[in-house]
Amino acid sequence: KKLGQGTLLAVRSSFNGTLLGAMESILNVGLNDT
């Protein structure tokens, strides 16, 4: 909420080196039918 109401978000994993099984980046979280 501190980033702003209705703000679309990106979610990315962050780690050092190589880490198998980490989640893919997901963009535009918050989009919906309206």
PDB file of all heavy atoms in Angstrom:
ATOM      1  N   LYS A   1       0.820  -1.211   0.000  1.00  0.00           N
ATOM      2  CA  LYS A   1       0.000   0.000   0.000  1.00  0.00           C
ATOM      3  C   LYS A   1       0.852   1.258   0.000  1.00  0.00           C
ATOM      4  O   LYS A   1       0.480   2.284  -0.571  1.00  0.00           O
ATOM      5  CB  LYS A   1      -0.904  -0.004   1.241  1.00  0.00           C
ATOM      6  CG  LYS A   1      -2.090   0.934   1.144  1.00  0.00           C
ATOM      7  CD  LYS A   1      -2.987   0.766   2.359  1.00  0.00           C
ATOM      8  CE  LYS A   1      -4.418   1.070   1.998  1.00  0.00           C
ATOM      9  NZ  LYS A   1      -5.307   0.908   3.162  1.00  0.00           N
ATOM     10  N   LYS A   2       2.024   1.177   0.618  1.00  0.00           N
ATOM     11  CA  LYS A   2       2.916   2.335   0.678  1.00  0.00           C
ATOM     12  C   LYS A   2       3.502   2.687  -0.687  1.00  0.00           C
ATOM     13  O   LYS A   2       4.063   3.764  -0.871  1.00  0.00           O
ATOM     14  CB  LYS A   2       4.036   2.079   1.691  1.00  0.00           C
ATOM     15  CG  LYS A   2       3.533   2.039   3.125  1.00  0.00           C
ATOM     16  CD  LYS A   2       4.655   1.824   4.112  1.00  0.00           C
ATOM     17  CE  LYS A   2       4.120   1.819   5.547  1.00  0.00           C
ATOM     18  NZ  LYS A   2       5.185   1.603   6.548  1.00  0.00           N
ATOM     19  N   LEU A   3       3.393   1.779  -1.655  1.00  0.00           N
ATOM     20  CA  LEU A   3       3.865   2.065  -3.007  1.00  0.00           C
ATOM     21  C   LEU A   3       2.804   2.784  -3.835  1.00  0.00           C
ATOM     22  O   LEU A   3       3.074   3.199  -4.961  1.00  0.00           O
ATOM     23  CB  LEU A   3       4.272   0.762  -3.712  1.00  0.00           C
ATOM     24  CG  LEU A   3       5.392  -0.038  -3.046  1.00  0.00           C
ATOM     25  CD1 LEU A   3       5.710  -1.271  -3.873  1.00  0.00           C
ATOM     26  CD2 LEU A   3       6.631   0.810  -2.861  1.00  0.00           C
ATOM     27  N   GLY A   4       1.597   2.902  -3.285  1.00  0.00           N
ATOM     28  CA  GLY A   4       0.529   3.615  -3.989  1.00  0.00           C
ATOM     29  C   GLY A   4      -0.615   2.704  -4.374  1.00  0.00           C
ATOM     30  O   GLY A   4      -0.391   1.617  -4.905  1.00  0.00           O
ATOM     31  N   GLN A   5      -1.828   3.156  -4.088  1.00  0.00           N
ATOM     32  CA  GLN A   5      -3.011   2.368  -4.413  1.00  0.00           C
ATOM     33  C   GLN A   5      -3.120   2.180  -5.920  1.00  0.00           C
ATOM     34  O   GLN A   5      -3.003   3.133  -6.685  1.00  0.00           O
ATOM     35  CB  GLN A   5      -4.267   3.079  -3.887  1.00  0.00           C
ATOM     36  CG  GLN A   5      -5.518   2.243  -3.914  1.00  0.00           C
ATOM     37  CD  GLN A   5      -5.484   1.128  -2.886  1.00  0.00           C
ATOM     38  OE1 GLN A   5      -4.865   1.259  -1.851  1.00  0.00           O
ATOM     39  NE2 GLN A   5      -6.162   0.027  -3.192  1.00  0.00           N
ATOM     40  N   GLY A   6      -3.312   0.958  -6.359  1.00  0.00           N
ATOM     41  CA  GLY A   6      -3.466   0.693  -7.785  1.00  0.00           C
ATOM     42  C   GLY A   6      -2.161   0.578  -8.553  1.00  0.00           C
ATOM     43  O   GLY A   6      -2.180   0.392  -9.768  1.00  0.00           O
ATOM     44  N   THR A   7      -1.026   0.682  -7.861  1.00  0.00           N
ATOM     45  CA  THR A   7       0.272   0.570  -8.534  1.00  0.00           C
ATOM     46  C   THR A   7       0.516  -0.870  -8.982  1.00  0.00           C
ATOM     47  O   THR A   7       0.354  -1.800  -8.194  1.00  0.00           O
ATOM     48  CB  THR A   7       1.415   1.008  -7.591  1.00  0.00           C
ATOM     49  OG1 THR A   7       1.211   2.371  -7.211  1.00  0.00           O
ATOM     50  CG2 THR A   7       2.774   0.869  -8.267  1.00  0.00           C
ATOM     51  N   LEU A   8       0.898  -1.042 -10.235  1.00  0.00           N
ATOM     52  CA  LEU A   8       1.253  -2.370 -10.717  1.00  0.00           C
ATOM     53  C   LEU A   8       2.644  -2.726 -10.221  1.00  0.00           C
ATOM     54  O   LEU A   8       3.525  -1.866 -10.121  1.00  0.00           O
ATOM     55  CB  LEU A   8       1.209  -2.416 -12.242  1.00  0.00           C
ATOM     56  CG  LEU A   8      -0.150  -2.119 -12.876  1.00  0.00           C
ATOM     57  CD1 LEU A   8      -0.046  -2.190 -14.395  1.00  0.00           C
ATOM     58  CD2 LEU A   8      -1.210  -3.080 -12.365  1.00  0.00           C
ATOM     59  N   LEU A   9       2.857  -4.004  -9.916  1.00  0.00           N
ATOM     60  CA  LEU A   9       4.092  -4.424  -9.269  1.00  0.00           C
ATOM     61  C   LEU A   9       4.818  -5.496 -10.077  1.00  0.00           C
ATOM     62  O   LEU A   9       4.207  -6.252 -10.828  1.00  0.00           O
ATOM     63  CB  LEU A   9       3.789  -4.971  -7.865  1.00  0.00           C
ATOM     64  CG  LEU A   9       3.072  -4.030  -6.906  1.00  0.00           C
ATOM     65  CD1 LEU A   9       2.729  -4.760  -5.615  1.00  0.00           C
ATOM     66  CD2 LEU A   9       3.901  -2.787  -6.627  1.00  0.00           C
ATOM     67  N   ALA A  10       6.132  -5.528  -9.885  1.00  0.00           N
ATOM     68  CA  ALA A  10       6.965  -6.619 -10.391  1.00  0.00           C
ATOM     69  C   ALA A  10       7.477  -7.401  -9.194  1.00  0.00           C
ATOM     70  O   ALA A  10       7.839  -6.817  -8.168  1.00  0.00           O
ATOM     71  CB  ALA A  10       8.135  -6.072 -11.203  1.00  0.00           C
ATOM     72  N   VAL A  11       7.518  -8.717  -9.320  1.00  0.00           N
ATOM     73  CA  VAL A  11       8.043  -9.576  -8.256  1.00  0.00           C
ATOM     74  C   VAL A  11       9.160 -10.413  -8.859  1.00  0.00           C
ATOM     75  O   VAL A  11       8.947 -11.147  -9.830  1.00  0.00           O
ATOM     76  CB  VAL A  11       6.945 -10.506  -7.681  1.00  0.00           C
ATOM     77  CG1 VAL A  11       7.516 -11.338  -6.532  1.00  0.00           C
ATOM     78  CG2 VAL A  11       5.751  -9.685  -7.201  1.00  0.00           C
ATOM     79  N   ARG A  12      10.369 -10.296  -8.295  1.00  0.00           N
ATOM     80  CA  ARG A  12      11.547 -10.984  -8.838  1.00  0.00           C
ATOM     81  C   ARG A  12      12.314 -11.664  -7.705  1.00  0.00           C
ATOM     82  O   ARG A  12      12.441 -11.113  -6.611  1.00  0.00           O
ATOM     83  CB  ARG A  12      12.476  -9.996  -9.545  1.00  0.00           C
ATOM     84  CG  ARG A  12      11.807  -9.100 -10.585  1.00  0.00           C
ATOM     85  CD  ARG A  12      12.796  -8.079 -11.128  1.00  0.00           C
ATOM     86  NE  ARG A  12      12.186  -7.063 -11.962  1.00  0.00           N
ATOM     87  CZ  ARG A  12      12.040  -7.154 -13.284  1.00  0.00           C
ATOM     88  NH1 ARG A  12      12.473  -8.245 -13.903  1.00  0.00           N
ATOM     89  NH2 ARG A  12      11.484  -6.181 -13.978  1.00  0.00           N
ATOM     90  N   SER A  13      12.858 -12.839  -7.982  1.00  0.00           N
ATOM     91  CA  SER A  13      13.716 -13.520  -7.009  1.00  0.00           C
ATOM     92  C   SER A  13      15.082 -12.863  -6.991  1.00  0.00           C
ATOM     93  O   SER A  13      15.571 -12.357  -8.004  1.00  0.00           O
ATOM     94  CB  SER A  13      13.858 -15.001  -7.371  1.00  0.00           C
ATOM     95  OG  SER A  13      12.629 -15.673  -7.269  1.00  0.00           O
ATOM     96  N   SER A  14      15.726 -12.871  -5.831  1.00  0.00           N
ATOM     97  CA  SER A  14      17.069 -12.312  -5.686  1.00  0.00           C
ATOM     98  C   SER A  14      17.913 -13.270  -4.865  1.00  0.00           C
ATOM     99  O   SER A  14      17.536 -13.653  -3.756  1.00  0.00           O
ATOM    100  CB  SER A  14      17.009 -10.938  -5.004  1.00  0.00           C
ATOM    101  OG  SER A  14      18.304 -10.395  -4.848  1.00  0.00           O
ATOM    102  N   PHE A  15      19.047 -13.677  -5.418  1.00  0.00           N
ATOM    103  CA  PHE A  15      19.916 -14.631  -4.730  1.00  0.00           C
ATOM    104  C   PHE A  15      21.336 -14.463  -5.244  1.00  0.00           C
ATOM    105  O   PHE A  15      21.578 -13.775  -6.251  1.00  0.00           O
ATOM    106  CB  PHE A  15      19.435 -16.068  -4.959  1.00  0.00           C
ATOM    107  CG  PHE A  15      19.099 -16.375  -6.390  1.00  0.00           C
ATOM    108  CD1 PHE A  15      20.073 -16.806  -7.278  1.00  0.00           C
ATOM    109  CD2 PHE A  15      17.798 -16.216  -6.858  1.00  0.00           C
ATOM    110  CE1 PHE A  15      19.769 -17.064  -8.603  1.00  0.00           C
ATOM    111  CE2 PHE A  15      17.482 -16.477  -8.192  1.00  0.00           C
ATOM    112  CZ  PHE A  15      18.465 -16.900  -9.063  1.00  0.00           C
ATOM    113  N   ASN A  16      22.267 -15.071  -4.568  1.00  0.00           N
ATOM    114  CA  ASN A  16      23.670 -15.018  -4.975  1.00  0.00           C
ATOM    115  C   ASN A  16      24.037 -16.306  -5.705  1.00  0.00           C
ATOM    116  O   ASN A  16      23.702 -17.397  -5.248  1.00  0.00           O
ATOM    117  CB  ASN A  16      24.576 -14.825  -3.756  1.00  0.00           C
ATOM    118  CG  ASN A  16      24.328 -13.493  -3.073  1.00  0.00           C
ATOM    119  OD1 ASN A  16      24.338 -12.446  -3.708  1.00  0.00           O
ATOM    120  ND2 ASN A  16      24.094 -13.527  -1.765  1.00  0.00           N
ATOM    121  N   GLY A  17      24.717 -16.169  -6.835  1.00  0.00           N
ATOM    122  CA  GLY A  17      25.126 -17.347  -7.580  1.00  0.00           C
ATOM    123  C   GLY A  17      23.956 -17.985  -8.308  1.00  0.00           C
ATOM    124  O   GLY A  17      23.025 -17.304  -8.754  1.00  0.00           O
ATOM    125  N   THR A  18      23.966 -19.299  -8.401  1.00  0.00           N
ATOM    126  CA  THR A  18      22.927 -20.051  -9.094  1.00  0.00           C
ATOM    127  C   THR A  18      22.040 -20.753  -8.073  1.00  0.00           C
ATOM    128  O   THR A  18      22.532 -21.377  -7.145  1.00  0.00           O
ATOM    129  CB  THR A  18      23.543 -21.106 -10.033  1.00  0.00           C
ATOM    130  OG1 THR A  18      24.383 -20.437 -10.981  1.00  0.00           O
ATOM    131  CG2 THR A  18      22.456 -21.869 -10.771  1.00  0.00           C
ATOM    132  N   LEU A  19      20.736 -20.625  -8.252  1.00  0.00           N
ATOM    133  CA  LEU A  19      19.794 -21.237  -7.317  1.00  0.00           C
ATOM    134  C   LEU A  19      18.678 -21.898  -8.115  1.00  0.00           C
ATOM    135  O   LEU A  19      17.828 -21.225  -8.706  1.00  0.00           O
ATOM    136  CB  LEU A  19      19.219 -20.184  -6.369  1.00  0.00           C
ATOM    137  CG  LEU A  19      18.462 -20.690  -5.143  1.00  0.00           C
ATOM    138  CD1 LEU A  19      19.370 -21.537  -4.258  1.00  0.00           C
ATOM    139  CD2 LEU A  19      17.903 -19.518  -4.350  1.00  0.00           C
ATOM    140  N   LEU A  20      18.707 -23.216  -8.183  1.00  0.00           N
ATOM    141  CA  LEU A  20      17.708 -23.945  -8.948  1.00  0.00           C
ATOM    142  C   LEU A  20      16.341 -23.877  -8.267  1.00  0.00           C
ATOM    143  O   LEU A  20      16.248 -23.920  -7.041  1.00  0.00           O
ATOM    144  CB  LEU A  20      18.136 -25.409  -9.108  1.00  0.00           C
ATOM    145  CG  LEU A  20      19.439 -25.650  -9.882  1.00  0.00           C
ATOM    146  CD1 LEU A  20      19.765 -27.136  -9.897  1.00  0.00           C
ATOM    147  CD2 LEU A  20      19.352 -25.099 -11.294  1.00  0.00           C
ATOM    148  N   GLY A  21      15.317 -23.771  -9.066  1.00  0.00           N
ATOM    149  CA  GLY A  21      13.963 -23.789  -8.531  1.00  0.00           C
ATOM    150  C   GLY A  21      13.405 -22.443  -8.134  1.00  0.00           C
ATOM    151  O   GLY A  21      12.278 -22.359  -7.647  1.00  0.00           O
ATOM    152  N   ALA A  22      14.194 -21.372  -8.315  1.00  0.00           N
ATOM    153  CA  ALA A  22      13.701 -20.049  -7.949  1.00  0.00           C
ATOM    154  C   ALA A  22      12.561 -19.637  -8.884  1.00  0.00           C
ATOM    155  O   ALA A  22      12.505 -20.037 -10.042  1.00  0.00           O
ATOM    156  CB  ALA A  22      14.825 -19.024  -8.009  1.00  0.00           C
ATOM    157  N   MET A  23      11.667 -18.828  -8.372  1.00  0.00           N
ATOM    158  CA  MET A  23      10.510 -18.392  -9.134  1.00  0.00           C
ATOM    159  C   MET A  23      10.911 -17.471 -10.273  1.00  0.00           C
ATOM    160  O   MET A  23      11.836 -16.676 -10.161  1.00  0.00           O
ATOM    161  CB  MET A  23       9.529 -17.666  -8.210  1.00  0.00           C
ATOM    162  CG  MET A  23       8.193 -17.342  -8.821  1.00  0.00           C
ATOM    163  SD  MET A  23       7.157 -16.362  -7.700  1.00  0.00           S
ATOM    164  CE  MET A  23       8.047 -14.801  -7.734  1.00  0.00           C
ATOM    165  N   GLU A  24      10.195 -17.561 -11.387  1.00  0.00           N
ATOM    166  CA  GLU A  24      10.387 -16.635 -12.497  1.00  0.00           C
ATOM    167  C   GLU A  24       9.913 -15.241 -12.078  1.00  0.00           C
ATOM    168  O   GLU A  24       9.105 -15.093 -11.161  1.00  0.00           O
ATOM    169  CB  GLU A  24       9.563 -17.082 -13.704  1.00  0.00           C
ATOM    170  CG  GLU A  24       9.878 -18.471 -14.214  1.00  0.00           C
ATOM    171  CD  GLU A  24       8.882 -18.924 -15.264  1.00  0.00           C
ATOM    172  OE1 GLU A  24       8.070 -18.099 -15.728  1.00  0.00           O
ATOM    173  OE2 GLU A  24       8.915 -20.112 -15.626  1.00  0.00           O
ATOM    174  N   SER A  25      10.402 -14.229 -12.785  1.00  0.00           N
ATOM    175  CA  SER A  25       9.899 -12.882 -12.552  1.00  0.00           C
ATOM    176  C   SER A  25       8.449 -12.796 -13.012  1.00  0.00           C
ATOM    177  O   SER A  25       8.082 -13.335 -14.059  1.00  0.00           O
ATOM    178  CB  SER A  25      10.739 -11.851 -13.313  1.00  0.00           C
ATOM    179  OG  SER A  25      12.064 -11.810 -12.818  1.00  0.00           O
ATOM    180  N   ILE A  26       7.630 -12.130 -12.225  1.00  0.00           N
ATOM    181  CA  ILE A  26       6.221 -11.938 -12.569  1.00  0.00           C
ATOM    182  C   ILE A  26       5.946 -10.434 -12.611  1.00  0.00           C
ATOM    183  O   ILE A  26       6.191  -9.721 -11.633  1.00  0.00           O
ATOM    184  CB  ILE A  26       5.294 -12.624 -11.557  1.00  0.00           C
ATOM    185  CG1 ILE A  26       5.596 -14.126 -11.511  1.00  0.00           C
ATOM    186  CG2 ILE A  26       3.827 -12.379 -11.911  1.00  0.00           C
ATOM    187  CD1 ILE A  26       4.721 -14.911 -10.562  1.00  0.00           C
ATOM    188  N   LEU A  27       5.466  -9.960 -13.745  1.00  0.00           N
ATOM    189  CA  LEU A  27       5.284  -8.524 -13.967  1.00  0.00           C
ATOM    190  C   LEU A  27       3.802  -8.150 -14.003  1.00  0.00           C
ATOM    191  O   LEU A  27       2.944  -8.968 -14.295  1.00  0.00           O
ATOM    192  CB  LEU A  27       5.945  -8.114 -15.288  1.00  0.00           C
ATOM    193  CG  LEU A  27       7.405  -8.511 -15.474  1.00  0.00           C
ATOM    194  CD1 LEU A  27       7.904  -8.039 -16.838  1.00  0.00           C
ATOM    195  CD2 LEU A  27       8.280  -7.964 -14.362  1.00  0.00           C
ATOM    196  N   ASN A  28       3.564  -6.862 -13.716  1.00  0.00           N
ATOM    197  CA  ASN A  28       2.220  -6.281 -13.787  1.00  0.00           C
ATOM    198  C   ASN A  28       1.228  -6.929 -12.832  1.00  0.00           C
ATOM    199  O   ASN A  28       0.038  -7.075 -13.149  1.00  0.00           O
ATOM    200  CB  ASN A  28       1.690  -6.349 -15.222  1.00  0.00           C
ATOM    201  CG  ASN A  28       2.479  -5.469 -16.174  1.00  0.00           C
ATOM    202  OD1 ASN A  28       2.611  -4.276 -15.956  1.00  0.00           O
ATOM    203  ND2 ASN A  28       3.037  -6.072 -17.218  1.00  0.00           N
ATOM    204  N   VAL A  29       1.718  -7.323 -11.657  1.00  0.00           N
ATOM    205  CA  VAL A  29       0.822  -7.845 -10.626  1.00  0.00           C
ATOM    206  C   VAL A  29      -0.159  -6.735 -10.237  1.00  0.00           C
ATOM    207  O   VAL A  29       0.246  -5.613  -9.933  1.00  0.00           O
ATOM    208  CB  VAL A  29       1.623  -8.309  -9.393  1.00  0.00           C
ATOM    209  CG1 VAL A  29       0.692  -8.770  -8.288  1.00  0.00           C
ATOM    210  CG2 VAL A  29       2.600  -9.417  -9.792  1.00  0.00           C
ATOM    211  N   GLY A  30      -1.424  -7.054 -10.255  1.00  0.00           N
ATOM    212  CA  GLY A  30      -2.466  -6.067  -9.973  1.00  0.00           C
ATOM    213  C   GLY A  30      -3.411  -5.859 -11.131  1.00  0.00           C
ATOM    214  O   GLY A  30      -4.505  -5.304 -10.964  1.00  0.00           O
ATOM    215  N   LEU A  31      -3.011  -6.309 -12.343  1.00  0.00           N
ATOM    216  CA  LEU A  31      -3.929  -6.223 -13.468  1.00  0.00           C
ATOM    217  C   LEU A  31      -5.108  -7.174 -13.245  1.00  0.00           C
ATOM    218  O   LEU A  31      -4.946  -8.252 -12.693  1.00  0.00           O
ATOM    219  CB  LEU A  31      -3.215  -6.604 -14.773  1.00  0.00           C
ATOM    220  CG  LEU A  31      -2.226  -5.593 -15.358  1.00  0.00           C
ATOM    221  CD1 LEU A  31      -1.614  -6.137 -16.635  1.00  0.00           C
ATOM    222  CD2 LEU A  31      -2.901  -4.245 -15.620  1.00  0.00           C
ATOM    223  N   ASN A  32      -6.267  -6.754 -13.686  1.00  0.00           N
ATOM    224  CA  ASN A  32      -7.450  -7.614 -13.634  1.00  0.00           C
ATOM    225  C   ASN A  32      -8.421  -7.184 -14.727  1.00  0.00           C
ATOM    226  O   ASN A  32      -8.062  -6.360 -15.579  1.00  0.00           O
ATOM    227  CB  ASN A  32      -8.108  -7.574 -12.244  1.00  0.00           C
ATOM    228  CG  ASN A  32      -8.448  -6.155 -11.814  1.00  0.00           C
ATOM    229  OD1 ASN A  32      -8.793  -5.301 -12.637  1.00  0.00           O
ATOM    230  ND2 ASN A  32      -8.369  -5.901 -10.514  1.00  0.00           N
ATOM    231  N   ASP A  33      -9.619  -7.706 -14.705  1.00  0.00           N
ATOM    232  CA  ASP A  33     -10.560  -7.431 -15.790  1.00  0.00           C
ATOM    233  C   ASP A  33     -10.922  -5.953 -15.906  1.00  0.00           C
ATOM    234  O   ASP A  33     -11.267  -5.474 -16.993  1.00  0.00           O
ATOM    235  CB  ASP A  33     -11.843  -8.240 -15.592  1.00  0.00           C
ATOM    236  CG  ASP A  33     -11.614  -9.729 -15.806  1.00  0.00           C
ATOM    237  OD1 ASP A  33     -10.508 -10.101 -16.252  1.00  0.00           O
ATOM    238  OD2 ASP A  33     -12.548 -10.521 -15.529  1.00  0.00           O
ATOM    239  N   THR A  34     -10.873  -5.220 -14.807  1.00  0.00           N
ATOM    240  CA  THR A  34     -11.238  -3.797 -14.841  1.00  0.00           C
ATOM    241  C   THR A  34     -10.022  -2.879 -14.859  1.00  0.00           C
ATOM    242  O   THR A  34     -10.168  -1.678 -15.026  1.00  0.00           O
ATOM    243  CB  THR A  34     -12.115  -3.442 -13.623  1.00  0.00           C
ATOM    244  OG1 THR A  34     -11.418  -3.770 -12.422  1.00  0.00           O
ATOM    245  CG2 THR A  34     -13.420  -4.217 -13.673  1.00  0.00           C
TER     246      THR A  34
END
